[in-house]
């Protein structure tokens, strides 16, 4: 067996287009992408669409869209597995000709009877090798081709995450590699495609471990170099149970629609199973520089939407303002008319946001039509004494120069000292008059964002003068 080392790192992400790109798949893609980028190798995409009845163009599009949003660019053109069926079929017949496979004429009823008999004996239900030595000829429509798995000894996988893992060969039966209708099965197709694509490292969920033992045996039978395996523990919910929709296990597009940033998703997904010391927040450039398979833990990771939101808030504060404005405008088309005000206050606006939706909502007061509507909570803040103080404050607001948050704070502080009152005796009414709500933005940031003319106008509207 040729065990020459891989000269170049080539990883792949191979989803089936039967549904959305879920969190687990996105993390697998990310780990493959990071490993390839860290080593200056290639990250490839293969769409495993041999199940033509369940594969849909909609799901394929969702995979491409999800990867594009996450920024996980793939090298070379995407491979569509169903286009390689002739190649897969040829390899299955090659194994048959070489004595590494055999034709099997057992009917479905025969297989069911074998499995029931095994269960009654307390054994694992599986094919018992009835046709293994019969020397049958493969006839499409009548027989299948089964791989002749070794029955003695053991198969060992030196896994980059799990370490050396051994399986006794008598634990595996002779799997079908070519169906009676002439179509190859998943187990063979994956081996052939990975070999033809030059994949050096197979990085995937540890639910594929049994597949890896089977595929390793097929590699041996074909005398092909076996890729290096890395099996990642699955993602669980925050309560330790298997991840489901109730834990937030949605498609990647759902998190985009929630207002998450792709850089935040990359950061958070990387921490689901991988670590770099105690670092929790990091850039994608740091991820690429630091990533290694030996830093992936063996225990299942736990998905926590609250932690994802926290990570998103961090990246939101670091995000480029021009890009953020485009996101705001996507959610609030009216924002284009208020770009100057929003851009002027974006630093303050994003400091109090956790998602892009929060940020867009924080901008709503800027775009409000005058006279702005006052909600009930804000109305309760506009007591008569506060409105009287607001009326006294108005002349001060009309002459503040320059109009900045700092200048507004200084002028209002002087006003309060002169009137011998506290900010609580006028501030809530001013906030309500400017935002129509109990908006959590800093009061002086609100003033700076709106500008003098709009501030004075909104106050006058509420004072009805």
Protein backbone atom coordinates (compact mmCIF):
# COMPACT_ATOMS: atom_id res chain seq x y z
CA UNK A 1 0.00 0.00 0.00
CA UNK A 2 1.40 3.36 -1.01
CA UNK A 3 1.48 5.60 2.07
CA UNK A 4 3.26 8.60 0.55
CA UNK A 5 2.43 11.80 2.49
CA UNK A 6 -0.01 14.28 1.02
CA UNK A 7 1.96 17.08 -0.59
CA UNK A 8 -0.96 19.51 -0.46
CA UNK A 9 -3.93 19.98 1.82
CA UNK A 10 -7.25 19.52 0.04
CA UNK A 11 -10.45 19.47 2.07
CA UNK A 12 -14.06 19.22 0.97
CA UNK A 13 -17.56 19.93 2.16
CA UNK A 14 -20.04 17.45 0.74
CA UNK A 15 -23.65 18.24 1.69
CA UNK A 16 -26.73 16.48 0.35
CA UNK A 17 -29.18 18.97 -1.22
CA UNK A 18 -32.24 17.66 0.58
CA UNK A 19 -32.79 20.57 2.99
CA UNK A 20 -31.35 23.82 4.31
CA UNK A 21 -27.72 24.35 5.32
CA UNK A 22 -28.02 23.73 9.06
CA UNK A 23 -25.70 24.74 11.88
CA UNK A 24 -23.88 21.41 12.00
CA UNK A 25 -23.20 21.46 8.28
CA UNK A 26 -22.08 25.08 8.42
CA UNK A 27 -19.58 24.27 11.17
CA UNK A 28 -18.23 21.30 9.20
CA UNK A 29 -17.80 23.55 6.17
CA UNK A 30 -16.07 26.18 8.31
CA UNK A 31 -13.59 23.70 9.82
CA UNK A 32 -12.72 22.36 6.37
CA UNK A 33 -12.34 25.90 5.00
CA UNK A 34 -10.19 27.05 7.93
CA UNK A 35 -7.89 24.03 7.73
CA UNK A 36 -7.38 24.51 3.99
CA UNK A 37 -6.79 28.25 4.30
CA UNK A 38 -4.40 27.77 7.26
CA UNK A 39 -2.25 25.43 5.17
CA UNK A 40 -2.53 27.34 1.91
CA UNK A 41 -4.44 24.42 0.42
CA UNK A 42 -7.78 24.07 -1.33
CA UNK A 43 -11.33 23.88 -0.03
CA UNK A 44 -13.67 22.07 -2.41
CA UNK A 45 -17.43 21.74 -2.61
CA UNK A 46 -19.24 18.59 -3.68
CA UNK A 47 -23.02 18.37 -3.90
CA UNK A 48 -23.96 14.77 -3.07
CA UNK A 49 -27.11 14.62 -5.16
CA UNK A 50 -27.24 10.97 -6.21
CA UNK A 51 -30.62 10.66 -4.47
CA UNK A 52 -32.40 12.35 -7.34
CA UNK A 53 -35.88 12.04 -5.80
CA UNK A 54 -34.97 13.90 -2.60
CA UNK A 55 -32.40 16.33 -4.04
CA UNK A 56 -33.85 19.71 -5.00
CA UNK A 57 -32.55 22.78 -6.75
CA UNK A 58 -33.99 24.89 -3.95
CA UNK A 59 -31.84 23.07 -1.39
CA UNK A 60 -28.79 23.31 -3.65
CA UNK A 61 -29.32 27.05 -3.95
CA UNK A 62 -29.67 27.31 -0.17
CA UNK A 63 -26.28 25.60 0.28
CA UNK A 64 -24.58 27.97 -2.15
CA UNK A 65 -26.29 31.00 -0.62
CA UNK A 66 -25.44 29.93 2.93
CA UNK A 67 -21.77 29.33 2.14
CA UNK A 68 -21.55 32.62 0.25
CA UNK A 69 -23.08 34.53 3.17
CA UNK A 70 -20.67 32.87 5.59
CA UNK A 71 -17.78 33.88 3.33
CA UNK A 72 -16.64 30.28 2.82
CA UNK A 73 -15.42 30.49 -0.76
CA UNK A 74 -14.58 27.21 -2.46
CA UNK A 75 -11.80 26.53 -4.94
CA UNK A 76 -12.47 25.01 -8.36
CA UNK A 77 -15.98 24.44 -9.67
CA UNK A 78 -18.43 22.62 -7.46
CA UNK A 79 -18.70 18.89 -8.16
CA UNK A 80 -22.16 17.36 -8.63
CA UNK A 81 -21.93 13.74 -7.58
CA UNK A 82 -24.67 12.45 -9.87
CA UNK A 83 -22.57 13.43 -12.89
CA UNK A 84 -19.91 10.92 -11.83
CA UNK A 85 -22.19 7.87 -11.77
CA UNK A 86 -20.48 6.19 -14.74
CA UNK A 87 -17.13 6.51 -13.00
CA UNK A 88 -18.56 5.06 -9.78
CA UNK A 89 -20.10 2.18 -11.71
CA UNK A 90 -16.81 1.42 -13.45
CA UNK A 91 -14.98 1.26 -10.10
CA UNK A 92 -17.60 -1.09 -8.62
CA UNK A 93 -17.14 -3.43 -11.58
CA UNK A 94 -13.37 -3.11 -11.24
CA UNK A 95 -13.68 -4.36 -7.67
CA UNK A 96 -15.88 -7.19 -8.92
CA UNK A 97 -13.35 -8.19 -11.59
CA UNK A 98 -10.51 -8.08 -9.04
CA UNK A 99 -12.31 -10.36 -6.63
CA UNK A 100 -12.80 -7.55 -4.09
CA UNK A 101 -16.56 -7.66 -4.63
CA UNK A 102 -19.17 -10.17 -5.67
CA UNK A 103 -22.62 -10.39 -7.19
CA UNK A 104 -25.45 -11.12 -4.77
CA UNK A 105 -28.87 -12.44 -5.75
CA UNK A 106 -30.54 -12.33 -2.35
CA UNK A 107 -34.00 -10.80 -2.45
CA UNK A 108 -35.27 -8.18 -0.01
CA UNK A 109 -37.27 -10.91 1.69
CA UNK A 110 -34.11 -13.00 2.05
CA UNK A 111 -32.32 -10.06 3.69
CA UNK A 112 -35.24 -9.47 6.06
CA UNK A 113 -35.20 -13.13 7.08
CA UNK A 114 -31.43 -12.99 7.73
CA UNK A 115 -31.83 -9.95 9.95
CA UNK A 116 -34.71 -11.43 11.90
CA UNK A 117 -32.71 -14.62 12.47
CA UNK A 118 -29.76 -12.57 13.71
CA UNK A 119 -32.01 -10.67 16.12
CA UNK A 120 -33.43 -13.90 17.49
CA UNK A 121 -29.87 -15.06 18.23
CA UNK A 122 -29.06 -11.75 19.89
CA UNK A 123 -26.68 -10.80 17.07
CA UNK A 124 -26.48 -7.56 15.11
CA UNK A 125 -28.94 -7.76 12.20
CA UNK A 126 -27.03 -7.71 8.92
CA UNK A 127 -26.32 -9.51 5.67
CA UNK A 128 -24.76 -12.92 6.37
CA UNK A 129 -22.62 -13.37 3.25
CA UNK A 130 -24.79 -16.04 1.62
CA UNK A 131 -23.60 -15.20 -1.92
CA UNK A 132 -20.01 -14.34 -0.99
CA UNK A 133 -18.48 -17.49 -2.49
CA UNK A 134 -21.12 -18.44 -5.08
CA UNK A 135 -19.36 -16.75 -8.00
CA UNK A 136 -22.56 -15.30 -9.42
CA UNK A 137 -22.49 -13.08 -12.50
CA UNK A 138 -23.80 -9.56 -12.09
CA UNK A 139 -27.03 -9.11 -14.04
CA UNK A 140 -28.68 -5.73 -13.85
CA UNK A 141 -32.18 -6.03 -12.47
CA UNK A 142 -31.43 -9.37 -10.84
CA UNK A 143 -28.35 -8.96 -8.67
CA UNK A 144 -26.42 -6.33 -6.74
CA UNK A 145 -22.68 -5.99 -6.24
CA UNK A 146 -21.45 -6.27 -2.66
CA UNK A 147 -18.02 -5.27 -1.38
CA UNK A 148 -16.11 -8.25 -0.03
CA UNK A 149 -15.16 -6.83 3.36
CA UNK A 150 -12.32 -8.53 5.28
CA UNK A 151 -13.70 -10.87 7.93
CA UNK A 152 -10.58 -11.28 10.04
CA UNK A 153 -8.29 -8.83 11.74
CA UNK A 154 -9.12 -5.20 12.43
CA UNK A 155 -9.35 -1.81 10.77
CA UNK A 156 -7.63 1.09 12.50
CA UNK A 157 -8.24 4.78 11.87
CA UNK A 158 -5.64 7.20 13.17
CA UNK A 159 -8.05 10.07 13.64
CA UNK A 160 -6.78 13.64 14.11
CA UNK A 161 -9.44 14.34 16.73
CA UNK A 162 -10.36 10.98 18.27
CA UNK A 163 -6.91 9.35 18.13
CA UNK A 164 -6.43 5.69 17.18
CA UNK A 165 -9.80 3.97 16.90
CA UNK A 166 -10.03 0.23 16.14
CA UNK A 167 -12.90 -1.86 14.83
CA UNK A 168 -12.84 -5.64 14.52
CA UNK A 169 -13.51 -6.51 10.90
CA UNK A 170 -16.12 -9.14 11.75
CA UNK A 171 -18.34 -6.29 12.98
CA UNK A 172 -18.97 -5.10 9.41
CA UNK A 173 -20.99 -6.92 6.77
CA UNK A 174 -20.58 -6.87 3.00
CA UNK A 175 -22.22 -3.64 1.94
CA UNK A 176 -23.88 -3.07 -1.42
CA UNK A 177 -21.78 -0.86 -3.71
CA UNK A 178 -23.92 -1.20 -6.86
CA UNK A 179 -27.69 -1.61 -6.73
CA UNK A 180 -29.62 -3.95 -8.98
CA UNK A 181 -30.72 -1.00 -11.13
CA UNK A 182 -27.06 -0.24 -11.88
CA UNK A 183 -26.72 2.82 -9.64
CA UNK A 184 -23.81 3.05 -7.17
CA UNK A 185 -24.35 3.57 -3.45
CA UNK A 186 -23.19 6.44 -1.27
CA UNK A 187 -20.36 4.51 0.38
CA UNK A 188 -18.55 3.78 -2.87
CA UNK A 189 -19.34 7.11 -4.54
CA UNK A 190 -17.78 9.07 -1.66
CA UNK A 191 -14.54 7.09 -1.88
CA UNK A 192 -14.25 7.49 -5.63
CA UNK A 193 -15.07 11.20 -5.60
CA UNK A 194 -12.70 11.97 -2.72
CA UNK A 195 -9.93 10.10 -4.52
CA UNK A 196 -10.59 11.75 -7.88
CA UNK A 197 -10.79 15.20 -6.27
CA UNK A 198 -7.45 14.64 -4.52
CA UNK A 199 -8.93 15.11 -1.04
CA UNK A 200 -6.16 14.82 1.55
CA UNK A 201 -8.22 15.36 4.73
CA UNK A 202 -11.78 14.24 5.40
CA UNK A 203 -13.13 16.45 8.20
CA UNK A 204 -16.71 15.62 9.20
CA UNK A 205 -19.05 14.76 12.07
CA UNK A 206 -18.27 11.75 14.22
CA UNK A 207 -21.59 10.22 13.21
CA UNK A 208 -19.67 9.19 10.06
CA UNK A 209 -17.15 7.07 11.96
CA UNK A 210 -18.60 3.72 10.89
CA UNK A 211 -18.64 5.00 7.30
CA UNK A 212 -14.96 5.78 7.60
CA UNK A 213 -14.13 2.19 8.57
CA UNK A 214 -16.04 0.91 5.56
CA UNK A 215 -14.52 3.50 3.24
CA UNK A 216 -11.04 2.79 4.57
CA UNK A 217 -11.47 -0.85 3.56
CA UNK A 218 -12.56 0.18 0.07
CA UNK A 219 -9.46 2.39 -0.26
CA UNK A 220 -7.30 -0.58 0.69
CA UNK A 221 -9.04 -2.82 -1.82
CA UNK A 222 -8.41 -0.28 -4.60
CA UNK A 223 -4.80 0.27 -3.45
CA UNK A 224 -5.48 4.01 -3.16
CA UNK A 225 -3.98 6.39 -0.62
CA UNK A 226 -6.32 6.78 2.33
CA UNK A 227 -7.10 10.39 3.30
CA UNK A 228 -6.43 11.62 6.81
CA UNK A 229 -9.61 11.53 8.90
CA UNK A 230 -10.81 14.02 11.53
CA UNK A 231 -14.16 13.27 13.13
CA UNK A 232 -15.74 16.23 14.91
CA UNK A 233 -18.09 15.70 17.86
CA UNK A 234 -21.67 16.65 17.11
CA UNK A 235 -23.35 19.82 18.37
CA UNK A 236 -25.85 19.49 21.22
CA UNK A 237 -28.32 21.97 22.63
CA UNK A 238 -27.52 24.11 25.67
CA UNK A 239 -29.19 21.45 27.84
CA UNK A 240 -26.90 18.71 26.54
CA UNK A 241 -29.64 17.03 24.48
CA UNK A 242 -29.35 16.33 20.77
CA UNK A 243 -29.57 19.59 18.87
CA UNK A 244 -33.02 20.35 17.51
CA UNK A 245 -35.06 23.30 16.31
CA UNK A 246 -36.13 24.10 19.84
CA UNK A 247 -32.47 24.82 20.64
CA UNK A 248 -32.17 27.17 17.67
CA UNK A 249 -30.97 24.58 15.14
CA UNK A 250 -32.23 26.50 12.13
CA UNK A 251 -30.88 27.00 8.66
CA UNK A 252 -28.02 29.44 8.20
CA UNK A 253 -30.41 31.73 6.31
CA UNK A 254 -32.54 32.05 9.46
CA UNK A 255 -29.59 33.48 11.43
CA UNK A 256 -28.89 35.91 8.61
CA UNK A 257 -32.53 37.00 8.76
CA UNK A 258 -32.22 37.40 12.55
CA UNK A 259 -29.58 40.05 11.95
CA UNK A 260 -26.43 38.04 12.66
CA UNK A 261 -23.20 39.01 10.94
CA UNK A 262 -21.27 36.38 8.96
CA UNK A 263 -18.04 37.19 10.83
CA UNK A 264 -19.87 36.61 14.11
CA UNK A 265 -21.22 33.28 12.88
CA UNK A 266 -17.71 32.21 11.85
CA UNK A 267 -16.37 33.22 15.27
CA UNK A 268 -19.15 31.43 17.17
CA UNK A 269 -19.22 28.28 15.05
CA UNK A 270 -15.45 27.91 15.39
CA UNK A 271 -15.82 27.87 19.18
CA UNK A 272 -18.30 25.00 18.94
CA UNK A 273 -15.70 22.31 19.45
CA UNK A 274 -12.46 24.17 18.72
CA UNK A 275 -10.54 26.43 21.05
CA UNK A 276 -7.49 28.66 21.21
CA UNK A 277 -6.66 29.03 24.87
CA UNK A 278 -9.32 31.11 26.61
CA UNK A 279 -10.00 33.30 23.58
CA UNK A 280 -13.70 33.72 22.85
CA UNK A 281 -13.77 36.64 20.43
CA UNK A 282 -11.49 36.79 17.41
CA UNK A 283 -11.30 37.87 13.80
CA UNK A 284 -11.44 35.54 10.82
CA UNK A 285 -7.79 36.31 10.10
CA UNK A 286 -6.90 35.14 13.59
CA UNK A 287 -9.02 32.03 13.10
CA UNK A 288 -7.14 31.10 9.94
CA UNK A 289 -3.78 31.72 11.61
CA UNK A 290 -4.63 29.71 14.73
CA UNK A 291 -6.73 26.84 13.43
CA UNK A 292 -5.53 23.27 13.91
CA UNK A 293 -7.25 19.92 14.14
CA UNK A 294 -5.54 18.97 17.38
CA UNK A 295 -7.32 21.85 19.13
CA UNK A 296 -10.72 20.27 18.47
CA UNK A 297 -12.16 18.65 21.58
CA UNK A 298 -13.66 15.19 21.81
CA UNK A 299 -16.77 16.18 23.74
CA UNK A 300 -19.94 17.42 22.00
CA UNK A 301 -20.21 21.19 21.71
CA UNK A 302 -23.27 23.02 23.03
CA UNK A 303 -25.15 25.52 20.92
CA UNK A 304 -26.33 28.58 22.84
CA UNK A 305 -28.26 31.30 21.00
CA UNK A 306 -27.59 33.80 23.80
CA UNK A 307 -23.82 33.33 23.38
CA UNK A 308 -24.12 33.69 19.63
CA UNK A 309 -25.99 36.96 20.15
CA UNK A 310 -23.25 38.17 22.52
CA UNK A 311 -20.57 37.34 19.93
CA UNK A 312 -22.64 39.12 17.28
CA UNK A 313 -22.86 42.28 19.42
CA UNK A 314 -19.05 42.32 19.66
CA UNK A 315 -18.58 42.05 15.90
CA UNK A 316 -21.32 44.60 15.30
CA UNK A 317 -19.30 47.19 17.21
CA UNK A 318 -16.25 46.41 15.07
CA UNK A 319 -18.07 46.34 11.74
CA UNK A 320 -17.46 48.80 8.93
CA UNK A 321 -19.97 51.66 9.14
CA UNK A 322 -20.62 51.81 5.39
CA UNK A 323 -21.48 48.10 5.33
CA UNK A 324 -23.69 48.51 8.40
CA UNK A 325 -25.58 51.33 6.77
CA UNK A 326 -26.28 49.10 3.76
CA UNK A 327 -27.74 46.51 6.15
CA UNK A 328 -29.87 49.19 7.81
CA UNK A 329 -31.09 50.43 4.45
CA UNK A 330 -32.02 46.87 3.45
CA UNK A 331 -34.23 46.68 6.53
CA UNK A 332 -35.36 50.32 6.41
CA UNK A 333 -35.39 51.66 2.80
CA UNK A 334 -36.33 55.07 4.20
CA UNK A 335 -32.85 55.27 5.77
CA UNK A 336 -31.32 56.50 2.51
CA UNK A 337 -32.98 59.89 3.10
CA UNK A 338 -31.42 60.10 6.58
CA UNK A 339 -27.98 58.74 5.80
CA UNK A 340 -26.08 61.76 7.14
CA UNK A 341 -27.78 61.63 10.54
CA UNK A 342 -27.48 57.85 10.85
CA UNK A 343 -23.83 57.77 9.82
CA UNK A 344 -23.12 60.60 12.25
CA UNK A 345 -24.50 58.56 15.12
CA UNK A 346 -23.67 55.02 14.03
CA UNK A 347 -21.01 54.46 16.66
CA UNK A 348 -23.50 55.23 19.41
CA UNK A 349 -26.36 53.40 17.69
CA UNK A 350 -24.45 50.14 17.27
CA UNK A 351 -23.07 50.20 20.82
CA UNK A 352 -26.57 49.45 22.09
CA UNK A 353 -27.44 46.80 19.50
CA UNK A 354 -26.91 43.04 19.49
CA UNK A 355 -28.19 42.29 16.01
CA UNK A 356 -28.67 44.13 12.74
CA UNK A 357 -32.39 44.15 13.46
CA UNK A 358 -31.69 45.88 16.78
CA UNK A 359 -29.54 48.41 14.97
CA UNK A 360 -32.23 49.16 12.41
CA UNK A 361 -34.77 49.58 15.21
CA UNK A 362 -32.39 51.92 17.03
CA UNK A 363 -32.47 54.14 13.94
CA UNK A 364 -36.24 54.36 13.74
CA UNK A 365 -36.46 57.52 15.84
CA UNK A 366 -34.20 59.32 13.35
CA UNK A 367 -36.62 58.62 10.49
CA UNK A 368 -39.86 59.35 12.35
CA UNK A 369 -42.33 61.71 10.67
CA UNK A 370 -43.22 64.86 12.57
CA UNK A 371 -44.97 65.34 14.77
CA UNK A 372 -43.64 62.03 15.98
CA UNK A 373 -46.08 59.66 17.71
CA UNK A 374 -45.51 59.23 21.46
CA UNK A 375 -46.03 55.77 22.91
CA UNK A 376 -47.73 55.22 26.27
CA UNK A 377 -44.53 54.72 28.28
CA UNK A 378 -43.03 57.88 26.86
CA UNK A 379 -46.24 59.79 27.41
CA UNK A 380 -46.08 58.88 31.08
CA UNK A 381 -42.66 60.55 31.24
CA UNK A 382 -44.05 63.85 29.94
CA UNK A 383 -45.50 65.10 33.23
CA UNK A 384 -46.54 68.72 33.57
CA UNK A 385 -43.52 69.73 35.74
CA UNK A 386 -41.11 68.12 33.28
CA UNK A 387 -42.79 69.77 30.29
CA UNK A 388 -42.54 73.13 32.05
CA UNK A 389 -38.80 72.54 32.56
CA UNK A 390 -38.51 71.45 28.92
CA UNK A 391 -40.09 74.74 27.88
CA UNK A 392 -37.45 76.58 29.92
CA UNK A 393 -34.68 74.45 28.35
CA UNK A 394 -35.74 75.25 24.78
CA UNK A 395 -33.91 78.62 24.52
CA UNK A 396 -30.70 76.90 25.61
CA UNK A 397 -31.10 74.24 22.94
CA UNK A 398 -31.62 76.91 20.29
CA UNK A 399 -28.19 78.49 20.86
CA UNK A 400 -25.83 75.55 21.52
CA UNK A 401 -22.73 75.87 19.33
CA UNK A 402 -21.12 73.72 18.08
CA UNK A 403 -23.83 71.09 18.10
CA UNK A 404 -22.07 68.02 19.48
CA UNK A 405 -22.91 65.50 22.20
CA UNK A 406 -20.28 67.07 24.43
CA UNK A 407 -21.48 70.63 23.85
CA UNK A 408 -25.11 69.60 24.46
CA UNK A 409 -24.15 67.88 27.70
CA UNK A 410 -22.22 70.91 28.92
CA UNK A 411 -25.02 73.36 28.07
CA UNK A 412 -27.72 71.22 29.68
CA UNK A 413 -25.58 70.75 32.78
CA UNK A 414 -25.28 74.52 33.11
CA UNK A 415 -29.04 74.89 32.62
CA UNK A 416 -29.73 72.33 35.38
CA UNK A 417 -27.42 74.12 37.79
CA UNK A 418 -29.06 77.44 37.00
CA UNK A 419 -32.53 76.01 37.57
CA UNK A 420 -31.38 74.00 40.59
CA UNK A 421 -32.96 70.80 39.26
CA UNK A 422 -31.70 67.35 38.34
CA UNK A 423 -31.62 65.79 34.90
CA UNK A 424 -34.50 63.50 35.93
CA UNK A 425 -36.76 66.53 36.11
CA UNK A 426 -36.44 67.30 32.40
CA UNK A 427 -34.45 64.53 30.67
CA UNK A 428 -37.26 61.92 30.38
CA UNK A 429 -39.56 64.50 28.78
CA UNK A 430 -36.80 65.58 26.37
CA UNK A 431 -36.09 61.97 25.41
CA UNK A 432 -39.81 61.31 24.85
CA UNK A 433 -40.18 64.44 22.72
CA UNK A 434 -37.21 63.45 20.55
CA UNK A 435 -37.83 59.72 20.13
CA UNK A 436 -41.49 59.13 20.98
CA UNK A 437 -40.37 56.34 23.28
CA UNK A 438 -38.16 55.51 26.24
CA UNK A 439 -35.33 54.81 23.76
CA UNK A 440 -32.25 53.49 25.55
CA UNK A 441 -29.77 55.52 23.51
CA UNK A 442 -27.72 58.03 25.42
CA UNK A 443 -29.63 61.31 25.59
CA UNK A 444 -26.73 63.39 24.35
CA UNK A 445 -26.10 60.95 21.50
CA UNK A 446 -29.74 61.37 20.47
CA UNK A 447 -29.30 65.13 20.39
CA UNK A 448 -26.10 64.89 18.35
CA UNK A 449 -27.67 62.49 15.84
CA UNK A 450 -30.79 64.59 15.25
CA UNK A 451 -29.01 67.94 14.97
CA UNK A 452 -30.13 71.31 16.29
CA UNK A 453 -32.92 72.07 13.84
CA UNK A 454 -34.62 68.69 14.17
CA UNK A 455 -34.18 68.68 17.96
CA UNK A 456 -35.69 72.11 18.38
CA UNK A 457 -38.47 71.31 15.93
CA UNK A 458 -39.47 68.12 17.77
CA UNK A 459 -39.45 69.86 21.13
CA UNK A 460 -41.61 72.68 19.74
CA UNK A 461 -44.03 70.10 18.32
CA UNK A 462 -44.61 68.64 21.78
CA UNK A 463 -44.77 72.04 23.46
CA UNK A 464 -47.18 73.08 20.71
CA UNK A 465 -45.42 76.35 20.06
